[in-house]
Amino acid sequence: MSSYQGSDIFQFAIRMEENGEKFYNYAASIAKDPKVYGIFTKLASEEVKHRKLFADMFSKIDTIMPKESYPGEYMAYLQGSIDGKVFSTAASKELSEIKDVIAALDFAIARELDSVLYYSEMKKYVTATAQSLLDQVIDEERKHVVILSEIKKSL
C-alpha cells in the first residue's frame, strides 16, 4: 500500500512553490541588471501567490485517485517526477553552482518546464473545478518560461 495520499500532491506543490520563491530571491540577489533583478523578484512573488492558491485548493477540494496498475503507482510516479527536480530541496543544492544570471536563467527555465509537466500530471487527481485552477497555474508557469527565455535572449 502506498504511503502517499491523493492530498499529498498539493503538499508537493506547496513545497515546490516555497523552494521556487527561495530560488528566485537568490537569483535576484546575484542579478546586477535592475531589470533582471525586478523580474526575479516578481517571479518570487508569483511563487508566493501559487503557494497560497495550492493551500486554498488543498483545504477545499477532494482529490481523486485514478485507476492504478498496482497500489501507489501514480503517487510514486508523481514523487519520482519531482525528486531532485523542479524547485525541490535536492535541486536547490545546485544553487551553490549558480554564480551568474545566465546559469540562474537556465536553471529556472528547466524548473519551470518541470513544473508545467508536474501540474499537468496533477490534473488526474483532482475534480474538474480544480483542473481549471491548475490550468491557470500551468499557464502562469508557461509565461514564466517565456519571460525567462526572453531575458536570456536579451543578455
N, C-alpha and C. Protein backbone atom coordinates (compact mmCIF):
# COMPACT_ATOMS: atom_id res chain seq x y z
N MET A 1 0.84 -1.19 0.00
CA MET A 1 0.00 0.00 0.00
C MET A 1 0.88 1.24 0.00
N SER A 2 0.47 2.25 -0.74
CA SER A 2 1.25 3.48 -0.87
C SER A 2 1.26 4.26 0.44
N SER A 3 2.37 4.92 0.71
CA SER A 3 2.44 5.76 1.89
C SER A 3 1.95 7.18 1.59
N TYR A 4 1.54 7.44 0.36
CA TYR A 4 1.03 8.74 -0.04
C TYR A 4 -0.48 8.71 -0.17
N GLN A 5 -1.07 9.86 0.01
CA GLN A 5 -2.50 10.03 -0.23
C GLN A 5 -2.65 11.02 -1.38
N GLY A 6 -3.83 11.03 -1.99
CA GLY A 6 -4.07 11.97 -3.09
C GLY A 6 -3.80 13.41 -2.70
N SER A 7 -4.10 13.76 -1.46
CA SER A 7 -3.91 15.14 -1.00
C SER A 7 -2.42 15.52 -0.94
N ASP A 8 -1.54 14.53 -0.93
CA ASP A 8 -0.11 14.81 -0.88
C ASP A 8 0.38 15.59 -2.10
N ILE A 9 -0.33 15.47 -3.22
CA ILE A 9 0.11 16.20 -4.41
C ILE A 9 0.11 17.69 -4.17
N PHE A 10 -0.81 18.16 -3.33
CA PHE A 10 -0.84 19.59 -3.03
C PHE A 10 0.29 19.97 -2.08
N GLN A 11 0.64 19.06 -1.18
CA GLN A 11 1.78 19.32 -0.31
C GLN A 11 3.06 19.41 -1.13
N PHE A 12 3.21 18.53 -2.13
CA PHE A 12 4.37 18.60 -3.02
C PHE A 12 4.38 19.95 -3.73
N ALA A 13 3.23 20.35 -4.24
CA ALA A 13 3.13 21.60 -4.99
C ALA A 13 3.46 22.80 -4.10
N ILE A 14 2.97 22.79 -2.89
CA ILE A 14 3.25 23.89 -1.95
C ILE A 14 4.75 23.97 -1.69
N ARG A 15 5.39 22.83 -1.46
CA ARG A 15 6.85 22.82 -1.23
C ARG A 15 7.60 23.32 -2.47
N MET A 16 7.14 22.90 -3.65
CA MET A 16 7.80 23.35 -4.88
C MET A 16 7.74 24.87 -4.99
N GLU A 17 6.60 25.43 -4.67
CA GLU A 17 6.44 26.88 -4.77
C GLU A 17 7.27 27.60 -3.71
N GLU A 18 7.36 27.04 -2.51
CA GLU A 18 8.22 27.63 -1.46
C GLU A 18 9.67 27.64 -1.93
N ASN A 19 10.13 26.52 -2.47
CA ASN A 19 11.51 26.44 -2.94
C ASN A 19 11.74 27.34 -4.15
N GLY A 20 10.71 27.47 -5.01
CA GLY A 20 10.81 28.38 -6.14
C GLY A 20 10.98 29.81 -5.69
N GLU A 21 10.25 30.21 -4.66
CA GLU A 21 10.38 31.56 -4.12
C GLU A 21 11.81 31.79 -3.61
N LYS A 22 12.34 30.82 -2.88
CA LYS A 22 13.71 30.95 -2.36
C LYS A 22 14.71 31.07 -3.52
N PHE A 23 14.52 30.25 -4.54
CA PHE A 23 15.42 30.30 -5.68
C PHE A 23 15.38 31.67 -6.36
N TYR A 24 14.19 32.18 -6.64
CA TYR A 24 14.09 33.46 -7.34
C TYR A 24 14.64 34.60 -6.50
N ASN A 25 14.47 34.53 -5.19
CA ASN A 25 15.08 35.55 -4.34
C ASN A 25 16.61 35.46 -4.41
N TYR A 26 17.14 34.23 -4.45
CA TYR A 26 18.58 34.06 -4.61
C TYR A 26 19.03 34.61 -5.97
N ALA A 27 18.30 34.25 -7.02
CA ALA A 27 18.66 34.72 -8.36
C ALA A 27 18.65 36.25 -8.41
N ALA A 28 17.68 36.85 -7.75
CA ALA A 28 17.63 38.32 -7.71
C ALA A 28 18.86 38.88 -7.01
N SER A 29 19.33 38.18 -5.99
CA SER A 29 20.49 38.66 -5.24
C SER A 29 21.78 38.65 -6.06
N ILE A 30 21.86 37.82 -7.10
CA ILE A 30 23.07 37.79 -7.92
C ILE A 30 22.92 38.58 -9.22
N ALA A 31 21.71 39.11 -9.45
CA ALA A 31 21.46 39.89 -10.67
C ALA A 31 22.05 41.29 -10.52
N LYS A 32 22.80 41.69 -11.52
CA LYS A 32 23.39 43.03 -11.49
C LYS A 32 22.52 44.03 -12.27
N ASP A 33 21.80 43.55 -13.24
CA ASP A 33 20.92 44.38 -14.06
C ASP A 33 19.62 44.62 -13.30
N PRO A 34 19.22 45.88 -13.11
CA PRO A 34 17.99 46.18 -12.37
C PRO A 34 16.73 45.55 -12.99
N LYS A 35 16.70 45.45 -14.32
CA LYS A 35 15.54 44.84 -14.98
C LYS A 35 15.46 43.35 -14.63
N VAL A 36 16.59 42.67 -14.68
CA VAL A 36 16.64 41.24 -14.36
C VAL A 36 16.29 41.04 -12.88
N TYR A 37 16.84 41.90 -12.03
CA TYR A 37 16.52 41.85 -10.60
C TYR A 37 15.01 41.97 -10.39
N GLY A 38 14.40 42.91 -11.06
CA GLY A 38 12.96 43.13 -10.93
C GLY A 38 12.14 41.93 -11.38
N ILE A 39 12.58 41.31 -12.45
CA ILE A 39 11.85 40.14 -12.95
C ILE A 39 11.97 38.97 -11.98
N PHE A 40 13.17 38.74 -11.45
CA PHE A 40 13.34 37.65 -10.49
C PHE A 40 12.51 37.91 -9.22
N THR A 41 12.46 39.14 -8.75
CA THR A 41 11.66 39.41 -7.54
C THR A 41 10.17 39.27 -7.85
N LYS A 42 9.76 39.64 -9.06
CA LYS A 42 8.36 39.44 -9.45
C LYS A 42 8.03 37.96 -9.50
N LEU A 43 8.92 37.16 -10.06
CA LEU A 43 8.69 35.71 -10.11
C LEU A 43 8.62 35.12 -8.71
N ALA A 44 9.44 35.62 -7.80
CA ALA A 44 9.39 35.15 -6.41
C ALA A 44 8.02 35.44 -5.80
N SER A 45 7.49 36.63 -6.07
CA SER A 45 6.17 36.96 -5.52
C SER A 45 5.07 36.13 -6.17
N GLU A 46 5.24 35.74 -7.43
CA GLU A 46 4.26 34.88 -8.08
C GLU A 46 4.29 33.47 -7.49
N GLU A 47 5.46 33.02 -7.07
CA GLU A 47 5.54 31.72 -6.41
C GLU A 47 4.76 31.75 -5.09
N VAL A 48 4.80 32.88 -4.40
CA VAL A 48 4.03 33.04 -3.16
C VAL A 48 2.54 32.93 -3.47
N LYS A 49 2.10 33.59 -4.55
CA LYS A 49 0.68 33.51 -4.94
C LYS A 49 0.29 32.08 -5.27
N HIS A 50 1.15 31.37 -5.99
CA HIS A 50 0.85 29.98 -6.34
C HIS A 50 0.76 29.11 -5.09
N ARG A 51 1.66 29.34 -4.15
CA ARG A 51 1.65 28.57 -2.90
C ARG A 51 0.32 28.78 -2.17
N LYS A 52 -0.13 30.04 -2.12
CA LYS A 52 -1.40 30.34 -1.45
C LYS A 52 -2.56 29.69 -2.20
N LEU A 53 -2.51 29.67 -3.52
CA LEU A 53 -3.55 29.03 -4.31
C LEU A 53 -3.61 27.54 -4.00
N PHE A 54 -2.46 26.89 -3.95
CA PHE A 54 -2.44 25.47 -3.65
C PHE A 54 -2.92 25.19 -2.23
N ALA A 55 -2.54 26.02 -1.29
CA ALA A 55 -3.01 25.84 0.09
C ALA A 55 -4.52 25.97 0.15
N ASP A 56 -5.05 26.93 -0.60
CA ASP A 56 -6.50 27.11 -0.65
C ASP A 56 -7.18 25.91 -1.31
N MET A 57 -6.62 25.46 -2.43
CA MET A 57 -7.17 24.30 -3.12
C MET A 57 -7.13 23.07 -2.21
N PHE A 58 -6.03 22.90 -1.52
CA PHE A 58 -5.84 21.76 -0.63
C PHE A 58 -6.92 21.73 0.45
N SER A 59 -7.29 22.90 0.93
CA SER A 59 -8.26 22.96 2.02
C SER A 59 -9.71 22.78 1.56
N LYS A 60 -9.97 22.93 0.26
CA LYS A 60 -11.35 22.96 -0.22
C LYS A 60 -11.79 21.81 -1.11
N ILE A 61 -10.87 21.11 -1.72
CA ILE A 61 -11.31 20.13 -2.71
C ILE A 61 -10.94 18.71 -2.32
N ASP A 62 -11.67 17.82 -2.92
CA ASP A 62 -11.38 16.41 -2.76
C ASP A 62 -10.47 15.99 -3.89
N THR A 63 -9.56 15.12 -3.58
CA THR A 63 -8.72 14.56 -4.63
C THR A 63 -9.33 13.23 -5.05
N ILE A 64 -8.97 12.81 -6.22
CA ILE A 64 -9.44 11.52 -6.72
C ILE A 64 -8.21 10.71 -7.10
N MET A 65 -8.34 9.43 -7.01
CA MET A 65 -7.21 8.58 -7.39
C MET A 65 -7.58 7.84 -8.66
N PRO A 66 -6.82 8.05 -9.73
CA PRO A 66 -7.11 7.33 -10.97
C PRO A 66 -6.83 5.84 -10.80
N LYS A 67 -7.36 5.07 -11.72
CA LYS A 67 -7.14 3.62 -11.69
C LYS A 67 -5.64 3.36 -11.83
N GLU A 68 -5.15 2.46 -11.00
CA GLU A 68 -3.72 2.14 -10.98
C GLU A 68 -3.49 0.69 -11.38
N SER A 69 -2.35 0.44 -11.97
CA SER A 69 -1.94 -0.94 -12.29
C SER A 69 -1.54 -1.69 -11.03
N TYR A 70 -1.02 -0.94 -10.05
CA TYR A 70 -0.65 -1.51 -8.76
C TYR A 70 -0.82 -0.41 -7.72
N PRO A 71 -1.04 -0.73 -6.46
CA PRO A 71 -1.27 0.27 -5.42
C PRO A 71 -0.10 1.26 -5.31
N GLY A 72 -0.41 2.53 -5.34
CA GLY A 72 0.60 3.57 -5.19
C GLY A 72 1.31 3.98 -6.46
N GLU A 73 0.89 3.43 -7.60
CA GLU A 73 1.56 3.70 -8.87
C GLU A 73 1.66 5.19 -9.19
N TYR A 74 0.53 5.89 -9.14
CA TYR A 74 0.54 7.29 -9.56
C TYR A 74 1.26 8.19 -8.56
N MET A 75 1.10 7.91 -7.28
CA MET A 75 1.80 8.73 -6.30
C MET A 75 3.32 8.51 -6.42
N ALA A 76 3.73 7.28 -6.68
CA ALA A 76 5.15 7.01 -6.87
C ALA A 76 5.67 7.75 -8.10
N TYR A 77 4.85 7.77 -9.16
CA TYR A 77 5.23 8.49 -10.38
C TYR A 77 5.38 9.98 -10.10
N LEU A 78 4.39 10.57 -9.42
CA LEU A 78 4.46 11.99 -9.13
C LEU A 78 5.64 12.33 -8.23
N GLN A 79 5.87 11.52 -7.21
CA GLN A 79 7.01 11.76 -6.33
C GLN A 79 8.32 11.64 -7.11
N GLY A 80 8.41 10.62 -7.94
CA GLY A 80 9.62 10.43 -8.75
C GLY A 80 9.84 11.56 -9.73
N SER A 81 8.75 12.16 -10.19
CA SER A 81 8.89 13.23 -11.17
C SER A 81 9.41 14.52 -10.57
N ILE A 82 9.30 14.66 -9.24
CA ILE A 82 9.81 15.89 -8.64
C ILE A 82 11.06 15.69 -7.81
N ASP A 83 11.42 14.45 -7.50
CA ASP A 83 12.64 14.22 -6.73
C ASP A 83 13.85 14.75 -7.49
N GLY A 84 14.54 15.70 -6.87
CA GLY A 84 15.74 16.26 -7.48
C GLY A 84 15.46 17.19 -8.64
N LYS A 85 14.20 17.50 -8.86
CA LYS A 85 13.84 18.37 -9.98
C LYS A 85 12.96 19.50 -9.46
N VAL A 86 12.40 20.19 -10.40
CA VAL A 86 11.52 21.32 -10.15
C VAL A 86 12.25 22.22 -9.16
N PHE A 87 11.59 22.67 -8.11
CA PHE A 87 12.26 23.51 -7.13
C PHE A 87 12.30 22.75 -5.81
N SER A 88 12.91 21.58 -5.84
CA SER A 88 12.98 20.74 -4.65
C SER A 88 14.22 21.07 -3.84
N THR A 89 14.29 20.53 -2.66
CA THR A 89 15.46 20.72 -1.81
C THR A 89 16.71 20.17 -2.50
N ALA A 90 16.57 19.00 -3.12
CA ALA A 90 17.72 18.42 -3.82
C ALA A 90 18.17 19.32 -4.96
N ALA A 91 17.23 19.89 -5.71
CA ALA A 91 17.58 20.78 -6.81
C ALA A 91 18.24 22.05 -6.27
N SER A 92 17.83 22.50 -5.10
CA SER A 92 18.40 23.73 -4.56
C SER A 92 19.87 23.58 -4.18
N LYS A 93 20.36 22.33 -4.07
CA LYS A 93 21.79 22.11 -3.83
C LYS A 93 22.61 22.65 -5.00
N GLU A 94 21.98 22.66 -6.17
CA GLU A 94 22.64 23.19 -7.36
C GLU A 94 22.87 24.70 -7.27
N LEU A 95 22.18 25.36 -6.33
CA LEU A 95 22.34 26.80 -6.18
C LEU A 95 23.78 27.20 -5.94
N SER A 96 24.50 26.37 -5.23
CA SER A 96 25.90 26.71 -4.93
C SER A 96 26.74 26.79 -6.20
N GLU A 97 26.27 26.14 -7.26
CA GLU A 97 27.00 26.17 -8.53
C GLU A 97 26.56 27.32 -9.43
N ILE A 98 25.50 28.00 -9.05
CA ILE A 98 24.98 29.11 -9.86
C ILE A 98 25.67 30.40 -9.42
N LYS A 99 26.50 30.89 -10.30
CA LYS A 99 27.29 32.08 -9.96
C LYS A 99 26.95 33.29 -10.83
N ASP A 100 26.12 33.07 -11.87
CA ASP A 100 25.78 34.21 -12.72
C ASP A 100 24.33 34.10 -13.18
N VAL A 101 23.85 35.16 -13.77
CA VAL A 101 22.45 35.25 -14.18
C VAL A 101 22.11 34.25 -15.27
N ILE A 102 23.00 34.01 -16.21
CA ILE A 102 22.72 33.05 -17.29
C ILE A 102 22.49 31.66 -16.70
N ALA A 103 23.34 31.25 -15.77
CA ALA A 103 23.15 29.94 -15.13
C ALA A 103 21.84 29.91 -14.35
N ALA A 104 21.51 31.01 -13.70
CA ALA A 104 20.24 31.09 -12.96
C ALA A 104 19.06 30.99 -13.91
N LEU A 105 19.16 31.64 -15.06
CA LEU A 105 18.08 31.58 -16.05
C LEU A 105 17.92 30.16 -16.59
N ASP A 106 19.03 29.51 -16.91
CA ASP A 106 18.96 28.13 -17.40
C ASP A 106 18.31 27.21 -16.37
N PHE A 107 18.72 27.36 -15.13
CA PHE A 107 18.16 26.57 -14.03
C PHE A 107 16.66 26.83 -13.91
N ALA A 108 16.28 28.10 -13.91
CA ALA A 108 14.87 28.47 -13.74
C ALA A 108 14.01 27.98 -14.89
N ILE A 109 14.49 28.11 -16.11
CA ILE A 109 13.72 27.65 -17.28
C ILE A 109 13.46 26.15 -17.17
N ALA A 110 14.49 25.39 -16.86
CA ALA A 110 14.33 23.93 -16.73
C ALA A 110 13.33 23.59 -15.63
N ARG A 111 13.40 24.29 -14.50
CA ARG A 111 12.50 24.00 -13.38
C ARG A 111 11.07 24.42 -13.68
N GLU A 112 10.89 25.51 -14.39
CA GLU A 112 9.53 25.93 -14.77
C GLU A 112 8.91 24.92 -15.73
N LEU A 113 9.70 24.41 -16.66
CA LEU A 113 9.20 23.38 -17.58
C LEU A 113 8.83 22.11 -16.81
N ASP A 114 9.64 21.73 -15.83
CA ASP A 114 9.32 20.58 -14.99
C ASP A 114 8.03 20.84 -14.21
N SER A 115 7.83 22.07 -13.77
CA SER A 115 6.60 22.42 -13.04
C SER A 115 5.37 22.24 -13.93
N VAL A 116 5.48 22.68 -15.18
CA VAL A 116 4.36 22.51 -16.11
C VAL A 116 4.00 21.03 -16.23
N LEU A 117 5.01 20.20 -16.39
CA LEU A 117 4.77 18.77 -16.50
C LEU A 117 4.13 18.22 -15.23
N TYR A 118 4.65 18.59 -14.09
CA TYR A 118 4.12 18.09 -12.82
C TYR A 118 2.67 18.51 -12.64
N TYR A 119 2.36 19.79 -12.84
CA TYR A 119 1.00 20.26 -12.65
C TYR A 119 0.05 19.65 -13.67
N SER A 120 0.53 19.38 -14.86
CA SER A 120 -0.29 18.70 -15.86
C SER A 120 -0.65 17.29 -15.39
N GLU A 121 0.32 16.62 -14.80
CA GLU A 121 0.07 15.28 -14.27
C GLU A 121 -0.86 15.32 -13.06
N MET A 122 -0.77 16.37 -12.25
CA MET A 122 -1.63 16.51 -11.07
C MET A 122 -3.11 16.52 -11.45
N LYS A 123 -3.41 16.98 -12.65
CA LYS A 123 -4.81 17.11 -13.06
C LYS A 123 -5.57 15.78 -12.99
N LYS A 124 -4.86 14.67 -13.07
CA LYS A 124 -5.50 13.35 -12.98
C LYS A 124 -6.10 13.10 -11.60
N TYR A 125 -5.65 13.85 -10.60
CA TYR A 125 -6.01 13.59 -9.22
C TYR A 125 -7.10 14.50 -8.67
N VAL A 126 -7.56 15.44 -9.46
CA VAL A 126 -8.47 16.44 -8.92
C VAL A 126 -9.76 16.54 -9.73
N THR A 127 -10.72 17.20 -9.13
CA THR A 127 -12.02 17.38 -9.77
C THR A 127 -11.90 18.36 -10.94
N ALA A 128 -12.95 18.45 -11.74
CA ALA A 128 -12.95 19.35 -12.91
C ALA A 128 -12.73 20.80 -12.50
N THR A 129 -13.31 21.23 -11.40
CA THR A 129 -13.12 22.60 -10.92
C THR A 129 -11.65 22.86 -10.60
N ALA A 130 -11.05 21.92 -9.91
CA ALA A 130 -9.64 22.06 -9.56
C ALA A 130 -8.76 21.98 -10.81
N GLN A 131 -9.16 21.20 -11.80
CA GLN A 131 -8.41 21.13 -13.05
C GLN A 131 -8.36 22.50 -13.71
N SER A 132 -9.46 23.22 -13.65
CA SER A 132 -9.49 24.57 -14.21
C SER A 132 -8.50 25.48 -13.49
N LEU A 133 -8.43 25.37 -12.17
CA LEU A 133 -7.47 26.17 -11.40
C LEU A 133 -6.04 25.76 -11.75
N LEU A 134 -5.81 24.47 -11.90
CA LEU A 134 -4.48 24.01 -12.28
C LEU A 134 -4.10 24.51 -13.67
N ASP A 135 -5.07 24.56 -14.57
CA ASP A 135 -4.79 25.10 -15.91
C ASP A 135 -4.30 26.54 -15.82
N GLN A 136 -4.87 27.30 -14.89
CA GLN A 136 -4.43 28.69 -14.70
C GLN A 136 -2.98 28.73 -14.21
N VAL A 137 -2.65 27.85 -13.28
CA VAL A 137 -1.28 27.79 -12.77
C VAL A 137 -0.32 27.35 -13.88
N ILE A 138 -0.73 26.37 -14.66
CA ILE A 138 0.11 25.89 -15.77
C ILE A 138 0.36 27.03 -16.75
N ASP A 139 -0.67 27.82 -17.05
CA ASP A 139 -0.50 28.97 -17.93
C ASP A 139 0.51 29.96 -17.35
N GLU A 140 0.43 30.18 -16.03
CA GLU A 140 1.39 31.08 -15.38
C GLU A 140 2.81 30.54 -15.48
N GLU A 141 2.98 29.26 -15.25
CA GLU A 141 4.31 28.66 -15.33
C GLU A 141 4.86 28.76 -16.76
N ARG A 142 3.99 28.57 -17.74
CA ARG A 142 4.43 28.73 -19.14
C ARG A 142 4.86 30.17 -19.41
N LYS A 143 4.12 31.13 -18.85
CA LYS A 143 4.50 32.53 -19.01
C LYS A 143 5.88 32.78 -18.41
N HIS A 144 6.14 32.12 -17.27
CA HIS A 144 7.46 32.26 -16.64
C HIS A 144 8.55 31.78 -17.60
N VAL A 145 8.31 30.67 -18.28
CA VAL A 145 9.29 30.15 -19.24
C VAL A 145 9.54 31.18 -20.33
N VAL A 146 8.49 31.78 -20.84
CA VAL A 146 8.63 32.78 -21.91
C VAL A 146 9.40 33.99 -21.39
N ILE A 147 9.03 34.48 -20.21
CA ILE A 147 9.71 35.65 -19.63
C ILE A 147 11.20 35.35 -19.45
N LEU A 148 11.50 34.22 -18.85
CA LEU A 148 12.90 33.86 -18.60
C LEU A 148 13.67 33.67 -19.90
N SER A 149 13.04 33.06 -20.89
CA SER A 149 13.69 32.86 -22.20
C SER A 149 13.96 34.19 -22.88
N GLU A 150 13.03 35.10 -22.80
CA GLU A 150 13.22 36.42 -23.39
C GLU A 150 14.35 37.20 -22.70
N ILE A 151 14.42 37.09 -21.39
CA ILE A 151 15.53 37.74 -20.66
C ILE A 151 16.85 37.16 -21.15
N LYS A 152 16.91 35.84 -21.24
CA LYS A 152 18.15 35.19 -21.64
C LYS A 152 18.57 35.65 -23.04
N LYS A 153 17.61 35.75 -23.96
CA LYS A 153 17.92 36.21 -25.31
C LYS A 153 18.46 37.64 -25.30
N SER A 154 17.92 38.47 -24.41
CA SER A 154 18.33 39.87 -24.37
C SER A 154 19.70 40.08 -23.75
N LEU A 155 20.19 39.08 -23.03
CA LEU A 155 21.51 39.23 -22.38
C LEU A 155 22.57 38.81 -23.31
